[in-house]
Amino acid sequence: EDFEAVGEAFEAEIGATKGTVGAAECTLIDQPSLVDFAESWFE
C-alpha cells in the first residue's frame, strides 16, 4: 500500500534513472540503495 510513497521519497532523496524502452516508461534503480532507504523509511 505504501510502496509508491517509498519510491517517490527514494527518488526525491537518492535518485533513480528514468527513460523509455519501446513505448514503456522505465525506471532503473540501484537495488541495495533502495532496500537500505526503504528499511529506514518503513521504520
All heavy atoms as atom14 arrays in JSON, in Angstrom:
{
  "sequence": "EDFEAVGEAFEAEIGATKGTVGAAECTLIDQPSLVDFAESWFE",
  "atom14_mask": [
    [1, 1, 1, 1, 1, 1, 1, 1, 1, 0, 0, 0, 0, 0],
    [1, 1, 1, 1, 1, 1, 1, 1, 0, 0, 0, 0, 0, 0],
    [1, 1, 1, 1, 1, 1, 1, 1, 1, 1, 1, 0, 0, 0],
    [1, 1, 1, 1, 1, 1, 1, 1, 1, 0, 0, 0, 0, 0],
    [1, 1, 1, 1, 1, 0, 0, 0, 0, 0, 0, 0, 0, 0],
    [1, 1, 1, 1, 1, 1, 1, 0, 0, 0, 0, 0, 0, 0],
    [1, 1, 1, 1, 0, 0, 0, 0, 0, 0, 0, 0, 0, 0],
    [1, 1, 1, 1, 1, 1, 1, 1, 1, 0, 0, 0, 0, 0],
    [1, 1, 1, 1, 1, 0, 0, 0, 0, 0, 0, 0, 0, 0],
    [1, 1, 1, 1, 1, 1, 1, 1, 1, 1, 1, 0, 0, 0],
    [1, 1, 1, 1, 1, 1, 1, 1, 1, 0, 0, 0, 0, 0],
    [1, 1, 1, 1, 1, 0, 0, 0, 0, 0, 0, 0, 0, 0],
    [1, 1, 1, 1, 1, 1, 1, 1, 1, 0, 0, 0, 0, 0],
    [1, 1, 1, 1, 1, 1, 1, 1, 0, 0, 0, 0, 0, 0],
    [1, 1, 1, 1, 0, 0, 0, 0, 0, 0, 0, 0, 0, 0],
    [1, 1, 1, 1, 1, 0, 0, 0, 0, 0, 0, 0, 0, 0],
    [1, 1, 1, 1, 1, 1, 1, 0, 0, 0, 0, 0, 0, 0],
    [1, 1, 1, 1, 1, 1, 1, 1, 1, 0, 0, 0, 0, 0],
    [1, 1, 1, 1, 0, 0, 0, 0, 0, 0, 0, 0, 0, 0],
    [1, 1, 1, 1, 1, 1, 1, 0, 0, 0, 0, 0, 0, 0],
    [1, 1, 1, 1, 1, 1, 1, 0, 0, 0, 0, 0, 0, 0],
    [1, 1, 1, 1, 0, 0, 0, 0, 0, 0, 0, 0, 0, 0],
    [1, 1, 1, 1, 1, 0, 0, 0, 0, 0, 0, 0, 0, 0],
    [1, 1, 1, 1, 1, 0, 0, 0, 0, 0, 0, 0, 0, 0],
    [1, 1, 1, 1, 1, 1, 1, 1, 1, 0, 0, 0, 0, 0],
    [1, 1, 1, 1, 1, 1, 0, 0, 0, 0, 0, 0, 0, 0],
    [1, 1, 1, 1, 1, 1, 1, 0, 0, 0, 0, 0, 0, 0],
    [1, 1, 1, 1, 1, 1, 1, 1, 0, 0, 0, 0, 0, 0],
    [1, 1, 1, 1, 1, 1, 1, 1, 0, 0, 0, 0, 0, 0],
    [1, 1, 1, 1, 1, 1, 1, 1, 0, 0, 0, 0, 0, 0],
    [1, 1, 1, 1, 1, 1, 1, 1, 1, 0, 0, 0, 0, 0],
    [1, 1, 1, 1, 1, 1, 1, 0, 0, 0, 0, 0, 0, 0],
    [1, 1, 1, 1, 1, 1, 0, 0, 0, 0, 0, 0, 0, 0],
    [1, 1, 1, 1, 1, 1, 1, 1, 0, 0, 0, 0, 0, 0],
    [1, 1, 1, 1, 1, 1, 1, 0, 0, 0, 0, 0, 0, 0],
    [1, 1, 1, 1, 1, 1, 1, 1, 0, 0, 0, 0, 0, 0],
    [1, 1, 1, 1, 1, 1, 1, 1, 1, 1, 1, 0, 0, 0],
    [1, 1, 1, 1, 1, 0, 0, 0, 0, 0, 0, 0, 0, 0],
    [1, 1, 1, 1, 1, 1, 1, 1, 1, 0, 0, 0, 0, 0],
    [1, 1, 1, 1, 1, 1, 0, 0, 0, 0, 0, 0, 0, 0],
    [1, 1, 1, 1, 1, 1, 1, 1, 1, 1, 1, 1, 1, 1],
    [1, 1, 1, 1, 1, 1, 1, 1, 1, 1, 1, 0, 0, 0],
    [1, 1, 1, 1, 1, 1, 1, 1, 1, 0, 0, 0, 0, 0]
  ],
  "atom14_positions": [
    [[0.8, -1.22, 0.0], [0.0, 0.0, 0.0], [0.84, 1.27, 0.0], [0.44, 2.29, -0.58], [-0.97, 0.0, 1.18], [-2.09, -1.02, 1.06], [-3.08, -0.94, 2.21], [-2.86, -0.1, 3.12], [-4.06, -1.7, 2.2], [0.0, 0.0, 0.0], [0.0, 0.0, 0.0], [0.0, 0.0, 0.0], [0.0, 0.0, 0.0], [0.0, 0.0, 0.0]],
    [[1.99, 1.24, 0.66], [2.82, 2.45, 0.73], [4.06, 2.36, -0.15], [4.96, 3.2, -0.06], [3.23, 2.75, 2.18], [3.87, 1.57, 2.88], [4.09, 0.53, 2.23], [4.16, 1.69, 4.1], [0.0, 0.0, 0.0], [0.0, 0.0, 0.0], [0.0, 0.0, 0.0], [0.0, 0.0, 0.0], [0.0, 0.0, 0.0], [0.0, 0.0, 0.0]],
    [[4.12, 1.38, -1.04], [5.32, 1.22, -1.87], [5.52, 2.4, -2.83], [6.65, 2.8, -3.09], [5.26, -0.09, -2.66], [5.66, -1.32, -1.86], [5.74, -1.28, -0.48], [5.96, -2.51, -2.51], [6.1, -2.41, 0.25], [6.33, -3.64, -1.79], [6.4, -3.59, -0.41], [0.0, 0.0, 0.0], [0.0, 0.0, 0.0], [0.0, 0.0, 0.0]],
    [[4.43, 2.95, -3.37], [4.59, 4.09, -4.26], [5.13, 5.3, -3.5], [5.96, 6.06, -4.02], [3.26, 4.43, -4.94], [2.77, 3.4, -5.93], [3.64, 3.28, -7.17], [4.52, 4.14, -7.39], [3.46, 2.3, -7.93], [0.0, 0.0, 0.0], [0.0, 0.0, 0.0], [0.0, 0.0, 0.0], [0.0, 0.0, 0.0], [0.0, 0.0, 0.0]],
    [[4.7, 5.46, -2.25], [5.21, 6.56, -1.43], [6.7, 6.37, -1.13], [7.47, 7.34, -1.12], [4.41, 6.65, -0.13], [0.0, 0.0, 0.0], [0.0, 0.0, 0.0], [0.0, 0.0, 0.0], [0.0, 0.0, 0.0], [0.0, 0.0, 0.0], [0.0, 0.0, 0.0], [0.0, 0.0, 0.0], [0.0, 0.0, 0.0], [0.0, 0.0, 0.0]],
    [[7.1, 5.13, -0.87], [8.52, 4.84, -0.65], [9.32, 5.2, -1.9], [10.36, 5.85, -1.83], [8.74, 3.36, -0.31], [10.22, 3.07, -0.13], [8.0, 2.97, 0.95], [0.0, 0.0, 0.0], [0.0, 0.0, 0.0], [0.0, 0.0, 0.0], [0.0, 0.0, 0.0], [0.0, 0.0, 0.0], [0.0, 0.0, 0.0], [0.0, 0.0, 0.0]],
    [[8.83, 4.77, -3.05], [9.53, 5.05, -4.3], [9.66, 6.54, -4.56], [10.72, 7.02, -4.99], [0.0, 0.0, 0.0], [0.0, 0.0, 0.0], [0.0, 0.0, 0.0], [0.0, 0.0, 0.0], [0.0, 0.0, 0.0], [0.0, 0.0, 0.0], [0.0, 0.0, 0.0], [0.0, 0.0, 0.0], [0.0, 0.0, 0.0], [0.0, 0.0, 0.0]],
    [[8.6, 7.29, -4.32], [8.63, 8.73, -4.52], [9.67, 9.38, -3.6], [10.44, 10.24, -4.02], [7.25, 9.32, -4.27], [7.15, 10.8, -4.51], [5.74, 11.34, -4.3], [4.79, 10.52, -4.29], [5.59, 12.56, -4.13], [0.0, 0.0, 0.0], [0.0, 0.0, 0.0], [0.0, 0.0, 0.0], [0.0, 0.0, 0.0], [0.0, 0.0, 0.0]],
    [[9.69, 8.95, -2.34], [10.65, 9.51, -1.39], [12.08, 9.13, -1.77], [13.0, 9.96, -1.67], [10.32, 9.01, 0.02], [0.0, 0.0, 0.0], [0.0, 0.0, 0.0], [0.0, 0.0, 0.0], [0.0, 0.0, 0.0], [0.0, 0.0, 0.0], [0.0, 0.0, 0.0], [0.0, 0.0, 0.0], [0.0, 0.0, 0.0], [0.0, 0.0, 0.0]],
    [[12.27, 7.89, -2.21], [13.6, 7.44, -2.62], [14.12, 8.26, -3.8], [15.27, 8.71, -3.81], [13.56, 5.96, -2.99], [14.84, 5.44, -3.59], [15.93, 5.13, -2.79], [14.95, 5.27, -4.97], [17.12, 4.66, -3.34], [16.13, 4.79, -5.53], [17.21, 4.5, -4.72], [0.0, 0.0, 0.0], [0.0, 0.0, 0.0], [0.0, 0.0, 0.0]],
    [[13.27, 8.44, -4.79], [13.71, 9.2, -5.97], [14.01, 10.65, -5.63], [14.93, 11.25, -6.2], [12.64, 9.1, -7.06], [12.54, 7.69, -7.66], [11.58, 7.62, -8.83], [11.13, 8.68, -9.29], [11.29, 6.49, -9.27], [0.0, 0.0, 0.0], [0.0, 0.0, 0.0], [0.0, 0.0, 0.0], [0.0, 0.0, 0.0], [0.0, 0.0, 0.0]],
    [[13.25, 11.22, -4.7], [13.49, 12.61, -4.31], [14.8, 12.76, -3.54], [15.51, 13.77, -3.71], [12.32, 13.12, -3.46], [0.0, 0.0, 0.0], [0.0, 0.0, 0.0], [0.0, 0.0, 0.0], [0.0, 0.0, 0.0], [0.0, 0.0, 0.0], [0.0, 0.0, 0.0], [0.0, 0.0, 0.0], [0.0, 0.0, 0.0], [0.0, 0.0, 0.0]],
    [[15.12, 11.79, -2.71], [16.3, 11.9, -1.85], [17.55, 11.26, -2.45], [18.65, 11.81, -2.34], [16.01, 11.27, -0.49], [17.13, 11.46, 0.52], [16.72, 11.07, 1.93], [15.52, 11.18, 2.26], [17.6, 10.64, 2.71], [0.0, 0.0, 0.0], [0.0, 0.0, 0.0], [0.0, 0.0, 0.0], [0.0, 0.0, 0.0], [0.0, 0.0, 0.0]],
    [[17.4, 10.08, -3.06], [18.56, 9.34, -3.57], [18.66, 9.44, -5.1], [19.72, 9.71, -5.65], [18.5, 7.85, -3.16], [18.31, 7.73, -1.64], [19.75, 7.11, -3.62], [19.43, 8.32, -0.8], [0.0, 0.0, 0.0], [0.0, 0.0, 0.0], [0.0, 0.0, 0.0], [0.0, 0.0, 0.0], [0.0, 0.0, 0.0], [0.0, 0.0, 0.0]],
    [[17.54, 9.19, -5.76], [17.51, 9.3, -7.21], [17.47, 7.97, -7.92], [17.92, 6.94, -7.39], [0.0, 0.0, 0.0], [0.0, 0.0, 0.0], [0.0, 0.0, 0.0], [0.0, 0.0, 0.0], [0.0, 0.0, 0.0], [0.0, 0.0, 0.0], [0.0, 0.0, 0.0], [0.0, 0.0, 0.0], [0.0, 0.0, 0.0], [0.0, 0.0, 0.0]],
    [[16.91, 7.98, -9.12], [16.84, 6.81, -10.0], [16.92, 7.32, -11.43], [16.7, 8.51, -11.69], [15.55, 6.03, -9.77], [0.0, 0.0, 0.0], [0.0, 0.0, 0.0], [0.0, 0.0, 0.0], [0.0, 0.0, 0.0], [0.0, 0.0, 0.0], [0.0, 0.0, 0.0], [0.0, 0.0, 0.0], [0.0, 0.0, 0.0], [0.0, 0.0, 0.0]],
    [[17.22, 6.43, -12.34], [17.34, 6.8, -13.75], [16.04, 6.53, -14.46], [15.5, 5.42, -14.4], [18.48, 6.0, -14.42], [19.7, 6.24, -13.73], [18.64, 6.41, -15.87], [0.0, 0.0, 0.0], [0.0, 0.0, 0.0], [0.0, 0.0, 0.0], [0.0, 0.0, 0.0], [0.0, 0.0, 0.0], [0.0, 0.0, 0.0], [0.0, 0.0, 0.0]],
    [[15.52, 7.54, -15.16], [14.27, 7.42, -15.89], [14.56, 7.4, -17.39], [15.48, 8.08, -17.87], [13.35, 8.6, -15.58], [12.94, 8.72, -14.13], [11.89, 7.68, -13.75], [11.34, 7.92, -12.36], [10.25, 6.98, -12.02], [0.0, 0.0, 0.0], [0.0, 0.0, 0.0], [0.0, 0.0, 0.0], [0.0, 0.0, 0.0], [0.0, 0.0, 0.0]],
    [[13.77, 6.66, -18.13], [13.94, 6.63, -19.58], [12.83, 5.84, -20.23], [11.9, 5.37, -19.55], [0.0, 0.0, 0.0], [0.0, 0.0, 0.0], [0.0, 0.0, 0.0], [0.0, 0.0, 0.0], [0.0, 0.0, 0.0], [0.0, 0.0, 0.0], [0.0, 0.0, 0.0], [0.0, 0.0, 0.0], [0.0, 0.0, 0.0], [0.0, 0.0, 0.0]],
    [[12.93, 5.68, -21.52], [11.91, 4.95, -22.29], [12.54, 3.77, -23.0], [13.58, 3.89, -23.63], [11.26, 5.88, -23.33], [10.69, 7.01, -22.67], [10.16, 5.15, -24.08], [0.0, 0.0, 0.0], [0.0, 0.0, 0.0], [0.0, 0.0, 0.0], [0.0, 0.0, 0.0], [0.0, 0.0, 0.0], [0.0, 0.0, 0.0], [0.0, 0.0, 0.0]],
    [[11.89, 2.63, -22.88], [12.27, 1.43, -23.61], [11.05, 1.03, -24.43], [9.98, 0.77, -23.86], [12.69, 0.29, -22.67], [12.95, -0.99, -23.46], [13.92, 0.68, -21.86], [0.0, 0.0, 0.0], [0.0, 0.0, 0.0], [0.0, 0.0, 0.0], [0.0, 0.0, 0.0], [0.0, 0.0, 0.0], [0.0, 0.0, 0.0], [0.0, 0.0, 0.0]],
    [[11.19, 1.0, -25.75], [10.0, 0.87, -26.58], [9.1, 2.05, -26.27], [9.53, 3.2, -26.29], [0.0, 0.0, 0.0], [0.0, 0.0, 0.0], [0.0, 0.0, 0.0], [0.0, 0.0, 0.0], [0.0, 0.0, 0.0], [0.0, 0.0, 0.0], [0.0, 0.0, 0.0], [0.0, 0.0, 0.0], [0.0, 0.0, 0.0], [0.0, 0.0, 0.0]],
    [[7.84, 1.76, -25.94], [6.91, 2.81, -25.54], [6.76, 2.9, -24.03], [5.98, 3.7, -23.52], [5.55, 2.56, -26.18], [0.0, 0.0, 0.0], [0.0, 0.0, 0.0], [0.0, 0.0, 0.0], [0.0, 0.0, 0.0], [0.0, 0.0, 0.0], [0.0, 0.0, 0.0], [0.0, 0.0, 0.0], [0.0, 0.0, 0.0], [0.0, 0.0, 0.0]],
    [[7.51, 2.08, -23.29], [7.34, 1.97, -21.84], [8.17, 2.99, -21.09], [9.35, 3.18, -21.37], [7.71, 0.56, -21.38], [0.0, 0.0, 0.0], [0.0, 0.0, 0.0], [0.0, 0.0, 0.0], [0.0, 0.0, 0.0], [0.0, 0.0, 0.0], [0.0, 0.0, 0.0], [0.0, 0.0, 0.0], [0.0, 0.0, 0.0], [0.0, 0.0, 0.0]],
    [[7.54, 3.6, -20.1], [8.28, 4.43, -19.16], [8.99, 3.49, -18.18], [8.36, 2.62, -17.57], [7.34, 5.37, -18.41], [6.67, 6.39, -19.3], [5.76, 7.33, -18.53], [5.7, 7.21, -17.29], [5.11, 8.16, -19.17], [0.0, 0.0, 0.0], [0.0, 0.0, 0.0], [0.0, 0.0, 0.0], [0.0, 0.0, 0.0], [0.0, 0.0, 0.0]],
    [[10.29, 3.67, -18.02], [11.1, 2.75, -17.24], [11.88, 3.47, -16.15], [12.21, 4.66, -16.28], [12.07, 2.0, -18.14], [11.24, 0.97, -19.37], [0.0, 0.0, 0.0], [0.0, 0.0, 0.0], [0.0, 0.0, 0.0], [0.0, 0.0, 0.0], [0.0, 0.0, 0.0], [0.0, 0.0, 0.0], [0.0, 0.0, 0.0], [0.0, 0.0, 0.0]],
    [[12.19, 2.74, -15.1], [12.99, 3.25, -14.0], [14.08, 2.24, -13.7], [13.79, 1.05, -13.51], [12.13, 3.48, -12.75], [11.01, 4.3, -13.08], [12.95, 4.16, -11.65], [0.0, 0.0, 0.0], [0.0, 0.0, 0.0], [0.0, 0.0, 0.0], [0.0, 0.0, 0.0], [0.0, 0.0, 0.0], [0.0, 0.0, 0.0], [0.0, 0.0, 0.0]],
    [[15.32, 2.71, -13.64], [16.47, 1.87, -13.3], [17.0, 2.31, -11.95], [17.29, 3.49, -11.75], [17.55, 1.99, -14.37], [18.78, 1.08, -14.23], [18.38, -0.39, -14.36], [19.84, 1.45, -15.27], [0.0, 0.0, 0.0], [0.0, 0.0, 0.0], [0.0, 0.0, 0.0], [0.0, 0.0, 0.0], [0.0, 0.0, 0.0], [0.0, 0.0, 0.0]],
    [[17.12, 1.37, -11.02], [17.37, 1.69, -9.62], [18.52, 0.85, -9.08], [18.61, -0.35, -9.37], [16.11, 1.37, -8.77], [14.87, 2.04, -9.36], [16.3, 1.76, -7.32], [13.57, 1.34, -8.98], [0.0, 0.0, 0.0], [0.0, 0.0, 0.0], [0.0, 0.0, 0.0], [0.0, 0.0, 0.0], [0.0, 0.0, 0.0], [0.0, 0.0, 0.0]],
    [[19.37, 1.44, -8.27], [20.38, 0.69, -7.53], [19.66, -0.04, -6.4], [19.13, 0.59, -5.48], [21.45, 1.63, -6.98], [22.5, 0.89, -6.19], [23.38, 0.26, -6.8], [22.44, 0.94, -4.93], [0.0, 0.0, 0.0], [0.0, 0.0, 0.0], [0.0, 0.0, 0.0], [0.0, 0.0, 0.0], [0.0, 0.0, 0.0], [0.0, 0.0, 0.0]],
    [[19.64, -1.38, -6.46], [18.82, -2.13, -5.52], [19.28, -2.03, -4.07], [18.46, -1.81, -3.18], [18.72, -3.6, -5.96], [17.6, -4.37, -5.28], [18.11, -5.52, -4.43], [19.22, -5.46, -3.9], [17.31, -6.57, -4.29], [0.0, 0.0, 0.0], [0.0, 0.0, 0.0], [0.0, 0.0, 0.0], [0.0, 0.0, 0.0], [0.0, 0.0, 0.0]],
    [[20.58, -2.15, -3.75], [20.96, -2.02, -2.35], [20.6, -0.65, -1.76], [20.17, -0.56, -0.61], [22.47, -2.26, -2.38], [22.69, -3.12, -3.57], [21.71, -2.61, -4.58], [0.0, 0.0, 0.0], [0.0, 0.0, 0.0], [0.0, 0.0, 0.0], [0.0, 0.0, 0.0], [0.0, 0.0, 0.0], [0.0, 0.0, 0.0], [0.0, 0.0, 0.0]],
    [[20.78, 0.4, -2.55], [20.43, 1.74, -2.06], [18.94, 1.83, -1.76], [18.52, 2.42, -0.75], [20.81, 2.8, -3.08], [22.21, 2.84, -3.27], [0.0, 0.0, 0.0], [0.0, 0.0, 0.0], [0.0, 0.0, 0.0], [0.0, 0.0, 0.0], [0.0, 0.0, 0.0], [0.0, 0.0, 0.0], [0.0, 0.0, 0.0], [0.0, 0.0, 0.0]],
    [[18.12, 1.26, -2.64], [16.67, 1.28, -2.43], [16.28, 0.5, -1.18], [15.49, 0.97, -0.36], [15.96, 0.68, -3.64], [14.45, 0.53, -3.5], [13.75, 1.88, -3.37], [13.87, -0.27, -4.67], [0.0, 0.0, 0.0], [0.0, 0.0, 0.0], [0.0, 0.0, 0.0], [0.0, 0.0, 0.0], [0.0, 0.0, 0.0], [0.0, 0.0, 0.0]],
    [[16.83, -0.7, -1.02], [16.48, -1.53, 0.13], [16.9, -0.85, 1.43], [16.12, -0.81, 2.4], [17.13, -2.93, 0.0], [16.95, -3.73, 1.29], [16.53, -3.68, -1.18], [0.0, 0.0, 0.0], [0.0, 0.0, 0.0], [0.0, 0.0, 0.0], [0.0, 0.0, 0.0], [0.0, 0.0, 0.0], [0.0, 0.0, 0.0], [0.0, 0.0, 0.0]],
    [[18.1, -0.3, 1.48], [18.55, 0.38, 2.69], [17.68, 1.58, 3.01], [17.31, 1.82, 4.17], [20.01, 0.82, 2.54], [20.98, -0.34, 2.47], [20.59, -1.48, 2.8], [22.14, -0.11, 2.07], [0.0, 0.0, 0.0], [0.0, 0.0, 0.0], [0.0, 0.0, 0.0], [0.0, 0.0, 0.0], [0.0, 0.0, 0.0], [0.0, 0.0, 0.0]],
    [[17.35, 2.37, 1.98], [16.5, 3.54, 2.19], [15.12, 3.12, 2.68], [14.57, 3.7, 3.64], [16.37, 4.33, 0.88], [15.45, 5.51, 0.98], [15.93, 6.75, 1.37], [14.09, 5.39, 0.67], [15.07, 7.85, 1.46], [13.24, 6.48, 0.77], [13.73, 7.71, 1.16], [0.0, 0.0, 0.0], [0.0, 0.0, 0.0], [0.0, 0.0, 0.0]],
    [[14.53, 2.12, 2.03], [13.18, 1.69, 2.37], [13.12, 1.09, 3.77], [12.12, 1.27, 4.48], [12.67, 0.69, 1.34], [0.0, 0.0, 0.0], [0.0, 0.0, 0.0], [0.0, 0.0, 0.0], [0.0, 0.0, 0.0], [0.0, 0.0, 0.0], [0.0, 0.0, 0.0], [0.0, 0.0, 0.0], [0.0, 0.0, 0.0], [0.0, 0.0, 0.0]],
    [[14.16, 0.39, 4.17], [14.19, -0.17, 5.53], [14.03, 0.95, 6.56], [13.22, 0.86, 7.48], [15.51, -0.92, 5.75], [15.64, -1.55, 7.13], [16.96, -2.27, 7.32], [17.7, -2.46, 6.34], [17.28, -2.62, 8.48], [0.0, 0.0, 0.0], [0.0, 0.0, 0.0], [0.0, 0.0, 0.0], [0.0, 0.0, 0.0], [0.0, 0.0, 0.0]],
    [[14.79, 2.01, 6.4], [14.68, 3.15, 7.33], [13.33, 3.86, 7.18], [12.74, 4.3, 8.18], [15.82, 4.14, 7.07], [17.08, 3.55, 7.31], [0.0, 0.0, 0.0], [0.0, 0.0, 0.0], [0.0, 0.0, 0.0], [0.0, 0.0, 0.0], [0.0, 0.0, 0.0], [0.0, 0.0, 0.0], [0.0, 0.0, 0.0], [0.0, 0.0, 0.0]],
    [[12.85, 3.97, 5.95], [11.57, 4.64, 5.71], [10.44, 3.89, 6.4], [9.57, 4.52, 7.03], [11.32, 4.73, 4.21], [10.2, 5.65, 3.82], [10.29, 6.95, 3.44], [8.8, 5.32, 3.77], [9.04, 7.47, 3.15], [8.11, 6.49, 3.34], [8.06, 4.17, 4.05], [6.72, 6.53, 3.2], [6.67, 4.21, 3.91], [6.03, 5.36, 3.48]],
    [[10.42, 2.58, 6.29], [9.37, 1.8, 6.94], [9.42, 1.98, 8.46], [8.38, 2.11, 9.11], [9.5, 0.32, 6.59], [9.12, -0.03, 5.19], [9.92, -0.87, 4.41], [7.96, 0.48, 4.61], [9.57, -1.18, 3.11], [7.6, 0.17, 3.3], [8.42, -0.67, 2.56], [0.0, 0.0, 0.0], [0.0, 0.0, 0.0], [0.0, 0.0, 0.0]],
    [[10.61, 1.98, 9.02], [10.74, 2.15, 10.47], [10.24, 3.51, 10.93], [9.7, 3.66, 12.03], [12.19, 1.95, 10.88], [12.66, 0.51, 10.72], [14.15, 0.32, 11.01], [14.86, 1.34, 11.16], [14.58, -0.84, 11.09], [0.0, 0.0, 0.0], [0.0, 0.0, 0.0], [0.0, 0.0, 0.0], [0.0, 0.0, 0.0], [0.0, 0.0, 0.0]]
  ]
}
